[in-house]
Protein backbone atom coordinates (compact mmCIF):
# COMPACT_ATOMS: atom_id res chain seq x y z
CA MET A 1 141.54 69.44 17.99
CA SER A 2 145.06 69.59 16.71
CA ALA A 3 146.61 66.09 16.60
CA LYS A 4 150.07 67.64 17.24
CA TRP A 5 149.13 69.34 20.37
CA LEU A 6 146.98 66.54 21.55
CA LYS A 7 150.21 64.27 21.18
CA TYR A 8 152.41 66.59 23.19
CA GLY A 9 149.82 67.07 25.91
CA VAL A 10 149.21 63.30 26.45
CA VAL A 11 152.94 62.58 26.40
CA ILE A 12 153.23 64.92 29.56
CA LEU A 13 149.99 63.39 30.88
CA LEU A 14 151.61 59.85 30.28
CA PHE A 15 154.83 60.95 32.18
CA PHE A 16 153.18 62.54 35.39
CA THR A 17 150.03 60.22 35.60
CA PRO A 18 150.35 57.76 38.50
CA VAL A 19 150.36 53.94 37.49
CA THR A 20 146.89 52.56 37.33
CA VAL A 21 145.61 49.44 38.98
CA SER A 22 147.25 46.16 38.54
CA ALA A 23 146.29 43.40 36.27
CA GLN A 24 145.24 41.37 39.40
CA GLN A 25 142.73 43.75 40.58
CA ASN A 26 138.92 43.35 39.55
CA VAL A 27 137.61 46.27 37.47
CA ASN A 28 134.49 47.79 38.98
CA THR A 29 131.86 47.96 36.34
CA GLY A 30 128.81 49.06 38.35
CA SER A 31 126.35 46.16 38.84
CA HIS A 32 128.89 43.48 37.98
CA SER A 33 132.67 42.57 38.13
CA VAL A 34 134.65 40.95 35.57
CA GLU A 35 138.36 40.05 35.18
CA PRO A 36 140.38 43.14 34.28
CA ASP A 37 141.70 41.60 31.09
CA ALA A 38 138.10 41.28 29.56
CA ILE A 39 135.57 44.07 29.24
CA THR A 40 132.43 44.57 27.09
CA ILE A 41 131.67 47.56 25.00
CA ALA A 42 129.00 48.54 22.37
CA SER A 43 129.11 50.21 19.08
CA GLU A 44 126.59 51.96 16.91
CA PRO A 45 126.01 50.45 13.42
CA ASP A 46 125.42 53.66 11.50
CA TYR A 47 127.64 56.56 12.68
CA PRO A 48 130.18 56.58 9.97
CA PRO A 49 133.14 56.96 9.94
CA TYR A 50 133.52 56.64 13.72
CA CYS A 51 131.12 53.68 14.54
CA MET A 52 129.52 51.33 12.03
CA VAL A 53 129.24 47.85 10.76
CA ASP A 54 131.53 46.41 8.01
CA GLU A 55 130.44 44.00 5.15
CA ASN A 56 130.92 40.97 7.61
CA GLY A 57 128.68 42.28 10.36
CA HIS A 58 131.54 43.40 12.62
CA ALA A 59 131.98 46.64 14.49
CA ASP A 60 134.32 49.04 12.65
CA GLY A 61 135.33 52.69 12.27
CA PHE A 62 137.67 55.25 13.72
CA SER A 63 136.48 55.29 17.27
CA VAL A 64 136.27 51.49 17.37
CA ASP A 65 139.85 51.06 15.92
CA LEU A 66 141.09 53.72 18.59
CA PHE A 67 139.31 52.14 21.45
CA LYS A 68 140.70 48.67 20.60
CA ALA A 69 144.34 50.09 20.33
CA ALA A 70 144.10 51.88 23.61
CA ALA A 71 142.72 48.89 25.24
CA LYS A 72 145.50 46.68 23.83
CA ALA A 73 148.14 49.14 25.22
CA VAL A 74 147.10 48.46 28.77
CA GLY A 75 146.30 44.61 28.39
CA LEU A 76 142.66 44.78 28.05
CA ARG A 77 140.57 42.31 25.93
CA VAL A 78 137.54 43.76 24.27
CA LYS A 79 134.22 42.20 23.36
CA ILE A 80 132.06 44.46 21.15
CA LYS A 81 128.23 44.38 20.98
CA ILE A 82 126.31 46.18 18.24
CA GLY A 83 123.14 48.05 19.08
CA VAL A 84 121.26 51.41 18.47
CA TRP A 85 122.39 54.36 20.39
CA ASN A 86 119.59 54.91 22.78
CA LYS A 87 119.83 51.35 23.86
CA ILE A 88 123.51 51.01 24.23
CA LYS A 89 123.59 54.25 26.20
CA LEU A 90 121.05 52.97 28.74
CA ASP A 91 123.09 49.71 28.84
CA LEU A 92 126.19 51.67 30.00
CA ALA A 93 124.31 53.72 32.55
CA ASP A 94 122.83 50.47 34.10
CA GLY A 95 126.18 48.60 33.98
CA ARG A 96 125.17 45.97 31.33
CA ILE A 97 128.31 47.05 29.39
CA ASP A 98 131.57 48.51 30.55
CA ALA A 99 132.39 51.33 28.04
CA LEU A 100 131.38 53.17 24.92
CA PRO A 101 133.97 54.30 22.38
CA LEU A 102 132.31 57.31 20.96
CA VAL A 103 130.32 59.69 23.47
CA GLY A 104 130.08 63.40 23.11
CA ARG A 105 130.75 65.27 26.38
CA THR A 106 127.51 67.23 27.42
CA PRO A 107 126.25 68.50 30.67
CA GLU A 108 123.37 66.05 30.54
CA ARG A 109 125.72 63.09 30.11
CA GLU A 110 128.06 64.09 32.84
CA LYS A 111 125.47 63.03 35.32
CA LEU A 112 125.53 59.38 33.89
CA PHE A 113 128.94 58.76 32.73
CA ASP A 114 132.77 59.42 33.57
CA PHE A 115 134.88 60.54 30.45
CA THR A 116 138.48 60.00 29.43
CA LEU A 117 140.39 62.78 27.85
CA PRO A 118 138.88 64.01 24.48
CA TYR A 119 140.43 62.71 21.28
CA LEU A 120 138.16 64.36 18.72
CA SER A 121 136.10 67.45 18.17
CA LEU A 122 133.02 67.49 15.75
CA HIS A 123 130.80 70.38 14.55
CA GLY A 124 127.09 70.13 13.89
CA ALA A 125 125.26 70.98 10.77
CA VAL A 126 121.71 71.52 9.36
CA PHE A 127 120.79 69.20 6.50
CA VAL A 128 117.67 69.86 4.12
CA ARG A 129 116.40 68.53 0.79
CA GLU A 130 118.15 70.19 -2.05
CA GLY A 131 116.06 73.18 -3.25
CA THR A 132 114.67 74.02 0.19
CA SER A 133 114.40 77.79 0.72
CA GLY A 134 113.67 80.05 3.59
CA ILE A 135 116.11 78.57 6.03
CA ASN A 136 119.11 80.96 6.40
CA THR A 137 119.44 81.32 10.14
CA LEU A 138 118.56 79.23 13.30
CA GLU A 139 115.63 81.50 13.85
CA ASP A 140 114.16 80.18 10.66
CA LEU A 141 113.78 76.72 12.22
CA GLN A 142 111.47 77.82 14.86
CA ASN A 143 108.22 76.66 13.19
CA ARG A 144 110.04 73.95 10.98
CA GLU A 145 109.72 70.06 11.69
CA ILE A 146 113.29 69.02 12.87
CA ALA A 147 114.30 65.44 12.98
CA VAL A 148 117.15 64.02 15.34
CA MET A 149 118.24 60.57 16.51
CA LYS A 150 116.66 59.71 19.94
CA GLY A 151 119.29 59.98 22.73
CA ASP A 152 121.81 61.62 20.52
CA ASN A 153 123.61 64.83 21.54
CA ALA A 154 121.78 66.50 18.64
CA GLU A 155 118.55 65.89 20.58
CA GLU A 156 120.03 67.37 23.71
CA PHE A 157 121.20 70.33 21.75
CA VAL A 158 117.89 71.10 19.97
CA GLN A 159 116.00 70.66 23.40
CA ARG A 160 118.43 72.73 25.24
CA GLU A 161 118.51 75.66 22.86
CA LYS A 162 114.81 75.51 21.92
CA ILE A 163 115.69 75.30 18.31
CA SER A 164 112.11 74.46 17.12
CA LYS A 165 108.72 73.79 18.47
CA ASN A 166 108.21 70.62 16.32
CA ILE A 167 111.01 68.20 17.13
CA PHE A 168 110.88 64.47 16.03
CA THR A 169 113.05 61.66 16.97
CA THR A 170 114.08 58.42 14.97
CA HIS A 171 116.04 55.25 16.09
CA THR A 172 118.91 55.98 13.74
CA PHE A 173 120.09 58.97 11.56
CA GLU A 174 119.93 56.70 8.52
CA GLU A 175 116.15 56.48 9.16
CA ALA A 176 116.08 60.26 9.67
CA PHE A 177 117.84 60.96 6.31
CA LYS A 178 115.65 58.50 4.26
CA GLU A 179 112.46 60.21 5.65
CA LEU A 180 113.80 63.64 4.98
CA ALA A 181 114.74 62.68 1.49
CA ALA A 182 110.97 61.31 1.14
CA GLY A 183 109.60 64.73 2.24
CA LYS A 184 108.62 63.86 5.81
CA TYR A 185 110.52 66.68 7.73
CA ASP A 186 112.04 70.08 7.01
CA ALA A 187 115.51 69.50 8.24
CA VAL A 188 117.73 66.81 10.13
CA ILE A 189 120.34 68.15 12.63
CA THR A 190 123.51 66.08 13.33
CA GLN A 191 127.34 66.12 13.16
CA ARG A 192 128.43 67.26 9.76
CA LEU A 193 131.19 64.78 8.83
CA MET A 194 129.21 61.77 10.05
CA GLY A 195 126.01 63.11 8.06
CA LEU A 196 128.06 63.46 4.88
CA GLU A 197 129.47 59.94 5.25
CA LEU A 198 125.96 58.57 6.06
CA LEU A 199 124.56 60.15 2.87
CA LYS A 200 127.36 58.81 0.77
CA LYS A 201 126.81 55.28 2.34
CA THR A 202 123.01 55.28 1.71
CA GLY A 203 123.35 56.83 -1.82
CA ILE A 204 120.97 59.82 -1.00
CA ASP A 205 122.18 62.77 -3.19
CA SER A 206 119.04 64.84 -2.78
CA VAL A 207 119.99 66.05 0.81
CA LYS A 208 122.65 68.63 1.41
CA PRO A 209 124.26 70.57 4.47
CA LEU A 210 123.42 74.31 4.92
CA ASP A 211 126.06 76.82 5.62
CA ILE A 212 124.42 77.89 8.87
CA GLN A 213 126.99 77.95 11.86
CA LEU A 214 126.01 75.98 15.09
CA PRO A 215 128.67 77.31 17.55
CA LYS A 216 126.99 75.81 20.60
CA PHE A 217 126.95 72.32 18.83
CA ARG A 218 130.72 71.73 18.72
CA GLN A 219 131.60 68.82 20.89
CA ASP A 220 134.57 66.96 22.32
CA PHE A 221 134.12 63.10 22.01
CA CYS A 222 135.73 60.66 24.46
CA PHE A 223 135.57 57.21 25.72
CA ALA A 224 132.80 56.93 28.39
CA VAL A 225 132.51 54.50 31.41
CA GLN A 226 129.69 54.08 33.97
CA LYS A 227 129.69 56.92 36.60
CA GLY A 228 132.10 56.17 39.37
CA ASN A 229 134.08 53.34 37.60
CA LYS A 230 137.52 55.24 38.32
CA ASN A 231 139.74 52.16 37.85
CA LEU A 232 138.54 51.45 34.26
CA LEU A 233 138.50 55.13 33.50
CA ALA A 234 142.36 55.38 34.60
CA ARG A 235 143.38 52.37 32.43
CA LEU A 236 141.48 53.67 29.39
CA ASN A 237 143.11 57.15 29.95
CA GLU A 238 146.61 55.48 30.11
CA GLY A 239 145.91 53.49 26.95
CA LEU A 240 144.68 56.54 25.05
CA SER A 241 147.67 58.52 26.11
CA ILE A 242 150.00 55.57 25.01
CA VAL A 243 148.57 55.32 21.47
CA ILE A 244 148.73 59.02 20.97
CA ALA A 245 152.21 59.24 22.23
CA ASN A 246 153.60 56.38 20.12
CA ASP A 247 151.88 57.61 16.73
CA THR A 248 149.34 54.83 16.68
CA TYR A 249 146.60 57.57 16.99
CA GLU A 250 148.02 59.29 13.90
CA GLU A 251 148.13 55.96 11.96
CA ILE A 252 144.43 55.28 12.69
CA ARG A 253 143.55 58.88 11.81
CA LEU A 254 145.37 58.74 8.51
CA LYS A 255 143.55 55.35 7.68
CA TRP A 256 140.00 56.92 8.32
CA PHE A 257 140.51 60.57 7.25
CA GLY A 258 143.66 61.04 5.31
CA PRO A 259 146.18 63.80 6.13
CA VAL A 260 145.15 67.05 7.54
CA ILE A 261 146.95 70.05 6.04
CA LYS A 262 147.54 73.22 7.97
CA GLU A 263 149.61 75.90 6.43
CA LYS A 264 149.38 79.40 7.73
CA ILE A 265 151.73 82.42 7.88
CA ALA A 266 151.58 84.38 11.06
CA PHE A 267 150.37 87.92 11.04
CA LYS A 268 153.62 88.95 12.53
CA ASP A 269 155.59 87.35 9.81
CA ILE A 270 153.34 89.08 7.15
CA LEU A 271 153.93 92.50 9.06
CA LYS A 272 157.65 91.93 8.97
CA ILE A 273 157.79 91.19 5.28
CA ILE A 274 155.59 94.24 4.37
CA LEU A 275 157.65 96.54 6.70
CA TYR A 276 160.95 95.13 5.24
CA ALA A 277 159.82 95.61 1.72
CA ILE A 278 158.03 98.88 1.92
CA ILE A 279 160.29 100.91 4.33
CA PRO A 280 163.26 100.86 2.13
CA ILE A 281 161.20 101.80 -0.89
CA LEU A 282 159.57 104.69 0.87
CA ILE A 283 162.92 105.99 2.18
CA ILE A 284 164.35 105.86 -1.42
CA LEU A 285 161.24 107.61 -2.83
CA SER A 286 161.38 110.25 -0.07
CA GLY A 287 165.01 110.93 -0.84
CA ILE A 288 164.32 111.17 -4.56
CA SER A 289 161.24 113.53 -4.00
CA ILE A 290 163.44 115.80 -1.56
CA ILE A 291 166.29 116.01 -4.34
CA VAL A 292 163.81 116.83 -7.05
CA LEU A 293 161.88 119.47 -4.94
CA ARG A 294 165.18 121.07 -4.00
CA LYS A 295 166.20 121.32 -7.58
CA GLU A 296 162.83 122.68 -8.65
CA VAL A 297 163.10 125.26 -5.63
CA LYS A 298 166.63 126.28 -7.07
CA ARG A 299 165.23 126.50 -10.58
CA GLN A 300 162.21 128.65 -9.54
CA THR A 301 164.56 130.87 -7.27
CA LYS A 302 166.85 131.30 -10.23
CA ASN A 303 164.01 132.36 -12.29
CA LEU A 304 162.74 134.74 -9.63
CA ILE A 305 166.27 136.17 -9.36
CA ASN A 306 166.32 136.78 -13.22
CA GLU A 307 162.86 138.25 -13.16
CA ILE A 308 163.92 140.77 -10.33
CA ALA A 309 167.17 141.44 -12.22
CA GLU A 310 165.06 142.06 -15.48
CA ARG A 311 162.81 144.23 -13.64
CA LYS A 312 165.55 146.37 -12.15
CA LYS A 313 166.98 146.56 -15.73
CA THR A 314 163.71 147.77 -17.04
CA GLU A 315 163.33 150.23 -14.18
CA LYS A 316 166.94 151.70 -14.80
CA ALA A 317 166.05 152.00 -18.63
CA LEU A 318 162.74 153.82 -17.76
CA ARG A 319 164.52 156.11 -15.40
CA GLU A 320 167.27 156.92 -18.25
CA ASN A 321 164.46 157.52 -20.73
CA GLU A 322 162.08 159.41 -18.26
CA ALA A 323 162.85 162.82 -19.68
CA GLU A 324 162.06 161.66 -23.14
CA LEU A 325 158.83 160.18 -21.98
CA ARG A 326 157.49 163.06 -19.89
CA ASN A 327 156.03 164.65 -22.85
CA MET A 328 154.31 161.30 -24.44
CA SER A 329 150.60 160.80 -23.91
CA GLY A 330 149.66 158.46 -20.46
CA LYS A 331 149.81 155.36 -22.80
CA LEU A 332 153.39 154.44 -21.97
CA GLU A 333 152.80 155.14 -18.33
CA ASP A 334 149.90 152.71 -18.33
CA GLN A 335 152.04 150.10 -20.17
CA VAL A 336 154.66 150.58 -17.58
CA ALA A 337 152.20 150.20 -14.78
CA GLU A 338 150.70 147.15 -16.42
CA ARG A 339 154.17 145.57 -16.82
CA THR A 340 155.02 146.38 -13.17
CA THR A 341 151.86 144.72 -11.95
CA GLU A 342 152.37 141.63 -14.05
CA LEU A 343 156.01 141.38 -12.57
CA GLN A 344 154.57 141.87 -8.99
CA GLU A 345 151.96 139.11 -9.65
CA LYS A 346 154.73 136.77 -10.83
CA VAL A 347 156.83 137.51 -7.62
CA LYS A 348 153.85 136.70 -5.44
CA LYS A 349 153.14 133.47 -7.30
CA LEU A 350 156.79 132.43 -6.96
CA ASP A 351 156.75 133.25 -3.31
CA LYS A 352 153.72 131.10 -2.71
CA SER A 353 155.12 128.31 -4.90
CA GLN A 354 158.38 128.50 -2.97
CA GLN A 355 156.60 128.43 0.42
CA ALA A 356 154.39 125.51 -0.66
CA MET A 357 157.54 123.50 -1.76
CA LEU A 358 159.27 124.29 1.56
CA TYR A 359 156.16 122.89 3.38
CA MET A 360 156.35 119.74 1.29
CA VAL A 361 160.07 119.45 2.10
CA GLU A 362 159.10 119.70 5.77
CA ASP A 363 156.47 117.14 5.46
CA LEU A 364 158.78 114.72 3.61
CA ASN A 365 161.45 115.15 6.31
CA ARG A 366 158.84 114.47 8.95
CA ILE A 367 157.71 111.33 7.19
CA THR A 368 161.34 110.20 6.77
CA ALA A 369 161.89 110.57 10.45
CA GLU A 370 158.74 108.61 11.08
CA LEU A 371 159.85 105.73 8.90
CA LYS A 372 163.32 105.68 10.45
CA GLU A 373 161.65 105.52 13.87
CA GLU A 374 159.41 102.52 12.62
CA ARG A 375 162.52 100.74 11.32
CA ARG A 376 164.25 101.21 14.63
CA LYS A 377 161.21 99.81 16.41
CA LEU A 378 161.26 96.82 13.89
CA GLU A 379 164.93 96.27 14.57
CA LEU A 380 164.23 96.43 18.34
CA SER A 381 161.43 93.91 17.88
CA ASN A 382 163.72 91.48 15.98
CA LYS A 383 166.17 91.79 18.85
CA GLU A 384 163.51 91.09 21.23
CA LEU A 385 162.33 88.10 19.14
CA GLU A 386 165.94 86.72 19.06
CA ALA A 387 166.10 87.10 22.96
CA PHE A 388 162.74 85.50 23.26
CA SER A 389 163.90 82.55 20.92
CA TYR A 390 167.08 82.09 23.14
CA SER A 391 164.98 82.19 26.24
CA VAL A 392 162.58 79.63 24.89
CA SER A 393 165.34 77.53 23.76
CA HIS A 394 167.12 77.65 27.16
CA ASP A 395 163.80 77.34 29.35
CA LEU A 396 162.61 74.41 27.18
CA ARG A 397 166.00 72.62 27.12
CA ALA A 398 166.52 72.72 30.95
CA PRO A 399 163.51 70.51 31.79
CA LEU A 400 164.33 68.33 28.85
CA ARG A 401 167.75 67.54 29.92
CA SER A 402 166.51 66.99 33.39
CA ILE A 403 163.95 64.36 32.29
CA ASP A 404 166.43 62.78 29.99
CA GLY A 405 169.16 62.71 32.59
CA PHE A 406 166.95 61.25 35.32
CA SER A 407 165.50 58.67 32.96
CA GLN A 408 169.25 57.50 32.10
CA ALA A 409 170.06 57.32 35.80
CA LEU A 410 167.06 55.29 36.43
CA LEU A 411 167.98 52.84 33.65
CA GLU A 412 171.62 52.67 34.78
CA GLU A 413 171.34 52.65 38.57
CA TYR A 414 168.02 50.99 39.21
CA GLN A 415 167.63 48.55 36.23
CA GLU A 416 167.63 45.53 38.60
CA ARG A 417 164.44 46.74 40.28
CA LEU A 418 162.65 47.82 36.90
CA ASP A 419 160.87 45.28 34.95
CA ASN A 420 160.69 45.33 31.10
CA THR A 421 157.70 47.53 31.06
CA GLY A 422 159.24 50.17 33.36
CA LYS A 423 162.53 49.99 31.10
CA THR A 424 160.46 50.46 27.93
CA TYR A 425 158.49 53.47 29.39
CA LEU A 426 161.84 55.10 30.45
CA GLU A 427 163.31 54.53 26.90
CA ARG A 428 160.08 56.14 25.46
CA VAL A 429 160.43 59.21 27.60
CA ARG A 430 164.25 59.46 26.66
CA LYS A 431 163.27 59.05 23.09
CA ALA A 432 160.52 61.64 23.40
CA THR A 433 162.74 64.34 25.13
CA GLN A 434 165.50 63.84 22.61
CA ARG A 435 163.01 64.16 19.72
CA MET A 436 161.72 67.41 21.36
CA GLY A 437 165.24 68.69 21.57
CA LEU A 438 165.63 68.16 17.79
CA LEU A 439 162.18 69.94 17.17
CA ILE A 440 163.32 72.98 19.22
CA ASP A 441 166.66 73.24 17.31
CA ASP A 442 164.78 72.95 14.07
CA MET A 443 162.21 75.40 15.06
CA LEU A 444 164.77 78.03 15.96
CA LYS A 445 166.65 77.40 12.63
CA LEU A 446 163.58 77.97 10.67
CA SER A 447 162.71 81.17 12.68
CA LYS A 448 166.38 82.47 11.99
CA ILE A 449 166.09 81.93 8.35
CA THR A 450 163.39 84.64 7.91
CA ARG A 451 165.41 87.07 9.88
CA THR A 452 168.87 86.52 8.41
CA GLU A 453 170.19 89.37 6.27
CA MET A 454 170.81 88.27 2.79
CA ASN A 455 174.23 88.61 0.96
CA HIS A 456 173.97 87.96 -2.78
CA GLY A 457 176.83 86.68 -4.78
CA THR A 458 177.76 84.00 -7.40
CA ILE A 459 177.34 80.36 -6.35
CA ASN A 460 178.88 77.28 -8.11
CA LEU A 461 175.91 75.03 -7.37
CA SER A 462 177.31 72.08 -8.98
CA GLY A 463 180.37 72.15 -6.71
CA MET A 464 178.32 72.69 -3.64
CA ILE A 465 176.11 69.65 -4.38
CA ARG A 466 179.36 67.65 -4.92
CA GLU A 467 180.64 68.70 -1.52
CA ILE A 468 177.55 67.93 0.46
CA ALA A 469 177.12 64.49 -1.35
CA ALA A 470 180.77 63.53 -0.61
CA ALA A 471 180.16 64.32 3.08
CA HIS A 472 177.22 62.14 3.17
CA GLN A 473 179.17 59.43 1.49
CA LYS A 474 181.97 59.76 4.10
CA ASN A 475 179.64 59.50 6.90
CA ASN A 476 177.95 56.38 5.34
CA THR A 477 180.93 54.32 4.19
CA GLY A 478 179.08 50.98 4.46
CA ARG A 479 176.48 52.24 1.82
CA ALA A 480 177.30 52.88 -1.87
CA VAL A 481 175.17 55.57 -3.56
CA ASP A 482 175.43 56.53 -7.23
CA VAL A 483 175.60 60.35 -7.39
CA THR A 484 175.57 62.16 -10.73
CA VAL A 485 176.15 65.94 -10.78
CA GLN A 486 175.71 68.08 -13.94
CA GLU A 487 178.64 70.57 -14.15
CA GLY A 488 178.81 74.35 -14.56
CA ILE A 489 175.51 75.21 -12.91
CA MET A 490 175.91 78.80 -11.36
CA VAL A 491 173.46 80.95 -9.64
CA GLN A 492 173.08 84.10 -7.90
CA GLY A 493 171.93 84.20 -4.12
CA ASP A 494 172.86 84.01 -0.51
CA SER A 495 175.59 81.28 -0.30
CA TYR A 496 174.92 80.46 3.40
CA LEU A 497 171.07 80.15 2.94
CA ILE A 498 171.35 78.14 -0.41
CA ARG A 499 173.84 75.77 1.31
CA ILE A 500 171.24 75.06 4.00
CA ALA A 501 168.52 74.52 1.38
CA MET A 502 170.68 72.09 -0.73
CA GLU A 503 171.90 70.09 2.41
CA ASN A 504 168.24 69.55 3.32
CA LEU A 505 167.43 68.29 -0.17
CA VAL A 506 170.51 66.14 -0.57
CA ASN A 507 169.90 64.72 3.02
CA ASN A 508 166.37 63.80 1.90
CA ALA A 509 167.52 62.01 -0.96
CA PHE A 510 169.98 59.91 0.98
CA LYS A 511 167.33 59.14 3.70
CA PHE A 512 164.53 58.06 1.35
CA THR A 513 166.97 55.79 -0.73
CA GLY A 514 168.13 53.99 2.57
CA LYS A 515 165.98 50.88 1.65
CA GLU A 516 167.11 50.64 -2.01
CA ALA A 517 169.47 47.94 -3.18
CA HIS A 518 170.98 50.23 -5.79
CA PRO A 519 170.23 53.94 -4.73
CA ARG A 520 170.79 56.65 -7.31
CA ILE A 521 170.74 60.55 -6.93
CA GLU A 522 171.07 63.02 -9.78
CA PHE A 523 171.44 66.83 -9.83
CA GLY A 524 171.00 68.72 -13.02
CA THR A 525 168.66 71.05 -14.95
CA ALA A 526 165.46 70.53 -17.05
CA ILE A 527 162.93 72.78 -18.89
CA LYS A 528 159.66 73.15 -16.95
CA ASP A 529 156.89 75.20 -18.36
CA GLY A 530 159.27 76.89 -20.77
CA LYS A 531 161.86 77.97 -17.97
CA THR A 532 164.95 76.22 -16.80
CA ALA A 533 164.80 74.82 -13.49
CA CYS A 534 167.40 72.71 -11.27
CA PHE A 535 166.35 69.33 -9.95
CA ILE A 536 167.49 66.85 -7.24
CA ARG A 537 166.18 63.29 -8.20
CA ASP A 538 166.26 59.97 -6.26
CA ASN A 539 165.02 56.41 -6.72
CA GLY A 540 163.82 56.23 -3.19
CA ALA A 541 160.43 55.65 -1.32
CA GLY A 542 158.59 58.40 -3.24
CA PHE A 543 155.23 59.75 -2.23
CA ASP A 544 151.55 59.94 -3.13
CA MET A 545 150.94 63.16 -5.33
CA THR A 546 147.47 63.37 -3.66
CA TYR A 547 149.29 64.93 -0.62
CA VAL A 548 151.82 67.06 -2.56
CA ASP A 549 150.37 70.26 -1.01
CA LYS A 550 151.37 68.95 2.49
CA LEU A 551 154.92 68.31 1.62
CA PHE A 552 156.44 71.70 2.43
CA GLY A 553 154.33 72.43 5.58
CA ALA A 554 156.21 72.79 8.90
CA PHE A 555 155.97 69.47 10.98
CA GLN A 556 154.02 67.85 8.07
CA ARG A 557 155.22 64.31 7.18
CA LEU A 558 154.01 61.69 4.53
CA HIS A 559 156.17 58.88 6.23
CA THR A 560 156.21 57.74 9.89
CA SER A 561 159.30 58.44 12.03
CA ASP A 562 159.74 54.68 12.31
CA GLU A 563 160.16 54.44 8.66
CA PHE A 564 162.41 57.45 7.96
CA PRO A 565 163.55 59.69 10.96
CA GLY A 566 163.14 63.45 10.87
CA THR A 567 161.04 66.35 12.48
CA GLY A 568 159.26 67.48 9.36
CA ILE A 569 161.15 71.06 9.24
CA GLY A 570 163.59 70.34 6.37
CA LEU A 571 161.28 71.05 3.41
CA ALA A 572 159.57 73.96 5.17
CA THR A 573 163.06 75.43 5.60
CA VAL A 574 163.84 74.81 1.74
CA GLN A 575 160.72 76.57 0.74
CA ARG A 576 161.30 79.70 2.86
CA ILE A 577 164.93 80.06 1.47
CA ILE A 578 163.95 79.70 -2.08
CA HIS A 579 160.85 82.01 -1.60
CA ARG A 580 163.39 84.67 -0.05
CA HIS A 581 165.17 84.60 -3.29
CA GLY A 582 161.87 85.39 -5.17
CA CYS A 583 161.85 81.86 -6.63
CA GLN A 584 159.81 78.70 -6.44
CA VAL A 585 160.17 75.09 -5.42
CA TRP A 586 158.05 72.16 -5.99
CA ALA A 587 158.07 68.28 -6.13
CA GLU A 588 156.85 65.35 -8.21
CA GLY A 589 156.84 61.80 -7.09
CA GLU A 590 155.19 58.33 -7.01
CA ILE A 591 155.13 55.76 -4.32
CA GLY A 592 158.18 53.39 -4.69
CA LYS A 593 159.57 55.19 -7.76
CA GLY A 594 161.28 58.09 -6.16
CA THR A 595 160.99 61.80 -5.90
CA THR A 596 162.21 64.81 -7.87
CA PHE A 597 162.45 68.21 -6.21
CA TYR A 598 162.54 71.28 -8.76
CA PHE A 599 163.49 74.67 -7.88
CA THR A 600 164.64 77.98 -9.69
CA LEU A 601 167.30 80.55 -8.53
CA PRO A 602 168.11 83.93 -9.94
CA SER A 603 170.75 84.36 -12.87
CA GLN A 604 170.96 80.45 -13.54
CA VAL A 605 173.85 79.67 -15.95
CA ILE A 606 174.07 76.15 -17.34
CA GLY A 607 177.55 74.69 -18.16
CA SER A 608 178.52 71.62 -20.14
């Protein structure tokens, strides 16, 4: 499940969900009642990296951290017990505990538990000993010995889908993997990521996952409560919504999994690039071909006329000498007849060639007309896309302005009736709507960049950087930044687009040096891989080169919005502009030691 769309969804859910039960009400936990500020949950010891036991014997893992954060957000204190899955699942069903942090939602379990909104999707895998052969599809498992953990959703899956006739259960997956490695079973079925983590933890390197797809073993994982415990379910949904909306979920996910990179080019964009590049070339080639063919037709026609004239001349000469030739043997007549036949054959061949060329010209004219029609359709599609962008902008901004305006009105006109929590929630709503407004602006700007027609010219890049930096200095009079600009750097490109790219890079440098006592920014050139490249360097926060591939992705950020504001669109915009000029942009950096952005541009000239 995409963390971005999960976040947007829960912000809306948080805004429209009614307020849950008050702190003074008791939370119904089935067979017993406890104070709403204290609940008991249970965690598995061996389901890494989601639920496990740390070196001190305490419950740990992504799902445990997420549950504690969600509970804290709604004022719940959590006591955690540790137990094997089959036992703690029964404890929740019988009301001996209040909730579980990691439960896959299945038809079988919906009869026993109520589930919060899903926060994680996992996929299953088949694990075998290295060197195992003969297992290439699910059908190959029918007569094999399959091991699963008792009570796990893997057991429900293999039973439901009748994967094998020989199914064995273990108390834990760690036990199942150890017995598989020792040769006891043919395969173990479990969640792929958890299985890999568990093999790493136990040091088992003789067991590997197969590339068999298990489409019916994809599951959404949630928090679970006892069936009918609506009050606790509502509070956990509220807490989960809050931690997803305020970036706590993202911080926990980064802690346990690291960043997830998604960078895809839409098929529509690829089609546009292909059509924009190929159609002009085909039109030019068609025009050249038509000109060449017309010249060839003229040349052949001229030759034909000359041949005809030559033949008439010959016939005239023959008629003039006819009297002299009357008395000569039939040899001359044969020669004349042969020559005439040859000329006639040439005329026929020329006629056929001319006809073939005319057909080719007609085909080229038809192709040219079709290409023009396709170009017209593409231009119409672009206009429709622009209209759609305007409509999206207008339709999205209207409810945002309404939400922001009513929230501000509540804060200003009803502040005496609101407690601090209510005011905080309204401030969060306003902040979220304003941030979404910025996201809409940046998305439209990024979309427009790919459609803008380019006008190339000579650009004084040194002067442009000085102007942009001076504007930043003017807007931040209380902050002195040491800016160094190398003179005489001239490039070829679209001045409008290049200025947008440079403003984004300089803005990044000013922003990420914001916490430095003596901030420095430098613009110049350097030799990289035997070629001259421009660079913008700062001594700011820097970044971990492990995640350099994530840097230019749309909406991808290596720092939280609390540390440094932004929408994650700026560097994606820079990359598209540089790529549209047929050039490259890349970055180098180190945490706490600053960042250097390198880029190339056409016809670069270096001054003194």
